[in-house]
Amino acid sequence: MLVLLSVGNAHQRGVLTNYSLTDYQSGTEMSDGTVVYSVAEHKTCSTHGAASTVVNADEAALLISYVRIRMSLRANCAPYAFINHTGNKMTQSNVATALTVAFSGIFSDRVERITCTKV
């Protein structure tokens, strides 16, 4: 999900770390099944406003499944869509590491390591 949202929306990691369950529940579904989520809590919100995160119908179905599983795995977690193994809000470093791991297999035949500090 992190890769889909990162690549598909080209936001800084802060948008994903601050993507709350309230933001998820407040998503607006369009007639074609596309869903638009607004993330108001991020670094440049005061300058640029809420960040829009858009997923197509297939990605929305994956996100629904992800959130359902995420909610069933841990009780008393941080109120964010993406949490770490302790149930706390993911840090930007956690997101960068997850993206680095996801992309490292793609280019492993050409480079030793891919570091995804910005997508």
C-alpha atoms as a PDB file:
ATOM      1  CA  MET A   1       0.000   0.000   0.000  1.00  0.00           C
ATOM      2  CA  LEU A   2       2.841   2.378   0.802  1.00  0.00           C
ATOM      3  CA  VAL A   3       4.342   1.860  -2.646  1.00  0.00           C
ATOM      4  CA  LEU A   4       1.001   2.325  -4.426  1.00  0.00           C
ATOM      5  CA  LEU A   5       0.196   5.488  -2.523  1.00  0.00           C
ATOM      6  CA  SER A   6       3.723   6.878  -2.819  1.00  0.00           C
ATOM      7  CA  VAL A   7       4.197   6.280  -6.521  1.00  0.00           C
ATOM      8  CA  GLY A   8       0.621   7.054  -7.506  1.00  0.00           C
ATOM      9  CA  ASN A   9       0.460  10.362  -5.656  1.00  0.00           C
ATOM     10  CA  ALA A  10       4.070  11.595  -5.442  1.00  0.00           C
ATOM     11  CA  HIS A  11       3.780  13.027  -1.941  1.00  0.00           C
ATOM     12  CA  GLN A  12       6.525  13.392   0.618  1.00  0.00           C
ATOM     13  CA  ARG A  13       6.602  10.668   3.284  1.00  0.00           C
ATOM     14  CA  GLY A  14       4.940  12.946   5.850  1.00  0.00           C
ATOM     15  CA  VAL A  15       1.622  12.654   4.045  1.00  0.00           C
ATOM     16  CA  LEU A  16       1.675   8.873   4.454  1.00  0.00           C
ATOM     17  CA  THR A  17       2.847   8.955   8.072  1.00  0.00           C
ATOM     18  CA  ASN A  18       0.042  11.380   8.911  1.00  0.00           C
ATOM     19  CA  TYR A  19      -2.656   9.546   6.932  1.00  0.00           C
ATOM     20  CA  SER A  20      -5.137   8.967   9.739  1.00  0.00           C
ATOM     21  CA  LEU A  21      -8.028   6.572  10.008  1.00  0.00           C
ATOM     22  CA  THR A  22     -10.273   9.651  10.030  1.00  0.00           C
ATOM     23  CA  ASP A  23      -8.770  10.714   6.686  1.00  0.00           C
ATOM     24  CA  TYR A  24      -9.435   7.193   5.394  1.00  0.00           C
ATOM     25  CA  GLN A  25     -13.035   7.178   6.619  1.00  0.00           C
ATOM     26  CA  SER A  26     -13.633  10.627   5.101  1.00  0.00           C
ATOM     27  CA  GLY A  27     -12.654   9.579   1.591  1.00  0.00           C
ATOM     28  CA  THR A  28     -14.927  10.657  -1.248  1.00  0.00           C
ATOM     29  CA  GLU A  29     -15.849   8.043  -3.836  1.00  0.00           C
ATOM     30  CA  MET A  30     -16.309   9.247  -7.407  1.00  0.00           C
ATOM     31  CA  SER A  31     -18.713   7.724  -9.938  1.00  0.00           C
ATOM     32  CA  ASP A  32     -15.919   5.651 -11.543  1.00  0.00           C
ATOM     33  CA  GLY A  33     -14.906   4.074  -8.225  1.00  0.00           C
ATOM     34  CA  THR A  34     -11.916   6.362  -7.719  1.00  0.00           C
ATOM     35  CA  VAL A  35     -11.579   7.490  -4.102  1.00  0.00           C
ATOM     36  CA  VAL A  36     -10.055  10.807  -3.019  1.00  0.00           C
ATOM     37  CA  TYR A  37      -8.673  11.200   0.503  1.00  0.00           C
ATOM     38  CA  SER A  38      -7.561  14.494   2.030  1.00  0.00           C
ATOM     39  CA  VAL A  39      -4.678  14.527   4.495  1.00  0.00           C
ATOM     40  CA  ALA A  40      -4.682  17.837   6.346  1.00  0.00           C
ATOM     41  CA  GLU A  41      -1.923  17.066   8.841  1.00  0.00           C
ATOM     42  CA  HIS A  42       1.395  17.425   7.014  1.00  0.00           C
ATOM     43  CA  LYS A  43       4.382  19.775   6.918  1.00  0.00           C
ATOM     44  CA  THR A  44       3.278  22.117   4.140  1.00  0.00           C
ATOM     45  CA  CYS A  45      -0.447  22.187   4.937  1.00  0.00           C
ATOM     46  CA  SER A  46      -0.385  25.829   6.030  1.00  0.00           C
ATOM     47  CA  THR A  47       1.077  26.809   2.653  1.00  0.00           C
ATOM     48  CA  HIS A  48      -0.472  24.311   0.229  1.00  0.00           C
ATOM     49  CA  GLY A  49      -3.531  23.021   2.066  1.00  0.00           C
ATOM     50  CA  ALA A  50      -4.580  19.425   2.491  1.00  0.00           C
ATOM     51  CA  ALA A  51      -2.800  16.813   0.380  1.00  0.00           C
ATOM     52  CA  SER A  52      -5.103  14.819  -1.870  1.00  0.00           C
ATOM     53  CA  THR A  53      -4.378  11.130  -2.144  1.00  0.00           C
ATOM     54  CA  VAL A  54      -6.226   9.413  -4.978  1.00  0.00           C
ATOM     55  CA  VAL A  55      -6.667   5.693  -5.605  1.00  0.00           C
ATOM     56  CA  ASN A  56      -8.474   3.926  -8.427  1.00  0.00           C
ATOM     57  CA  ALA A  57     -11.215   1.382  -7.748  1.00  0.00           C
ATOM     58  CA  ASP A  58      -8.824  -1.592  -7.593  1.00  0.00           C
ATOM     59  CA  GLU A  59      -6.438   0.231  -5.259  1.00  0.00           C
ATOM     60  CA  ALA A  60      -9.401   1.341  -3.131  1.00  0.00           C
ATOM     61  CA  ALA A  61     -10.413  -2.315  -2.725  1.00  0.00           C
ATOM     62  CA  LEU A  62      -6.847  -3.161  -1.637  1.00  0.00           C
ATOM     63  CA  LEU A  63      -6.874  -0.273   0.829  1.00  0.00           C
ATOM     64  CA  ILE A  64     -10.204  -1.420   2.272  1.00  0.00           C
ATOM     65  CA  SER A  65      -8.746  -4.900   2.810  1.00  0.00           C
ATOM     66  CA  TYR A  66      -5.557  -3.477   4.290  1.00  0.00           C
ATOM     67  CA  VAL A  67      -7.438  -1.275   6.776  1.00  0.00           C
ATOM     68  CA  ARG A  68      -9.720  -4.177   7.743  1.00  0.00           C
ATOM     69  CA  ILE A  69      -6.684  -6.373   8.478  1.00  0.00           C
ATOM     70  CA  ARG A  70      -4.828  -3.526  10.207  1.00  0.00           C
ATOM     71  CA  MET A  71      -7.800  -2.910  12.507  1.00  0.00           C
ATOM     72  CA  SER A  72      -8.101  -6.589  13.399  1.00  0.00           C
ATOM     73  CA  LEU A  73      -4.442  -7.169  14.233  1.00  0.00           C
ATOM     74  CA  ARG A  74      -3.854  -4.740  17.046  1.00  0.00           C
ATOM     75  CA  ALA A  75      -5.993  -3.081  19.678  1.00  0.00           C
ATOM     76  CA  ASN A  76      -5.129   0.283  21.203  1.00  0.00           C
ATOM     77  CA  CYS A  77      -2.910   1.468  18.342  1.00  0.00           C
ATOM     78  CA  ALA A  78      -2.189   4.928  17.057  1.00  0.00           C
ATOM     79  CA  PRO A  79      -5.122   6.285  14.990  1.00  0.00           C
ATOM     80  CA  TYR A  80      -3.188   6.217  11.720  1.00  0.00           C
ATOM     81  CA  ALA A  81      -3.618   3.960   8.718  1.00  0.00           C
ATOM     82  CA  PHE A  82       0.037   3.001   8.697  1.00  0.00           C
ATOM     83  CA  ILE A  83       1.534   1.846  11.968  1.00  0.00           C
ATOM     84  CA  ASN A  84       4.767   0.126  12.905  1.00  0.00           C
ATOM     85  CA  HIS A  85       5.192  -3.242  14.624  1.00  0.00           C
ATOM     86  CA  THR A  86       4.586  -1.689  18.065  1.00  0.00           C
ATOM     87  CA  GLY A  87       1.277  -0.124  17.010  1.00  0.00           C
ATOM     88  CA  ASN A  88       2.670   3.408  16.931  1.00  0.00           C
ATOM     89  CA  LYS A  89       2.496   5.861  14.063  1.00  0.00           C
ATOM     90  CA  MET A  90       5.096   5.072  11.402  1.00  0.00           C
ATOM     91  CA  THR A  91       7.977   7.501  11.235  1.00  0.00           C
ATOM     92  CA  GLN A  92       9.219   8.954   7.970  1.00  0.00           C
ATOM     93  CA  SER A  93      12.241   6.688   8.384  1.00  0.00           C
ATOM     94  CA  ASN A  94       9.942   3.642   8.624  1.00  0.00           C
ATOM     95  CA  VAL A  95       8.280   4.651   5.348  1.00  0.00           C
ATOM     96  CA  ALA A  96      11.632   5.260   3.624  1.00  0.00           C
ATOM     97  CA  THR A  97      12.879   1.859   4.768  1.00  0.00           C
ATOM     98  CA  ALA A  98       9.714   0.107   3.557  1.00  0.00           C
ATOM     99  CA  LEU A  99       9.999   1.788   0.157  1.00  0.00           C
ATOM    100  CA  THR A 100      13.709   0.979  -0.070  1.00  0.00           C
ATOM    101  CA  VAL A 101      12.978  -2.696   0.600  1.00  0.00           C
ATOM    102  CA  ALA A 102      10.119  -2.723  -1.911  1.00  0.00           C
ATOM    103  CA  PHE A 103      12.185  -1.184  -4.695  1.00  0.00           C
ATOM    104  CA  SER A 104      15.485  -2.928  -3.977  1.00  0.00           C
ATOM    105  CA  GLY A 105      14.426  -6.175  -5.632  1.00  0.00           C
ATOM    106  CA  ILE A 106      13.457  -4.433  -8.855  1.00  0.00           C
ATOM    107  CA  PHE A 107      16.907  -3.057  -9.632  1.00  0.00           C
ATOM    108  CA  SER A 108      19.105  -5.506  -7.710  1.00  0.00           C
ATOM    109  CA  ASP A 109      20.705  -6.797 -10.900  1.00  0.00           C
ATOM    110  CA  ARG A 110      22.010  -3.297 -11.751  1.00  0.00           C
ATOM    111  CA  VAL A 111      22.818  -1.594  -8.458  1.00  0.00           C
ATOM    112  CA  GLU A 112      23.789  -2.689  -4.976  1.00  0.00           C
ATOM    113  CA  ARG A 113      21.225  -0.650  -3.082  1.00  0.00           C
ATOM    114  CA  ILE A 114      18.313   1.643  -3.835  1.00  0.00           C
ATOM    115  CA  THR A 115      17.603   4.239  -1.170  1.00  0.00           C
ATOM    116  CA  CYS A 116      14.151   5.808  -1.287  1.00  0.00           C
ATOM    117  CA  THR A 117      14.438   8.940   0.781  1.00  0.00           C
ATOM    118  CA  LYS A 118      12.135  10.791  -1.615  1.00  0.00           C
ATOM    119  CA  VAL A 119       9.775   9.250  -4.103  1.00  0.00           C
END
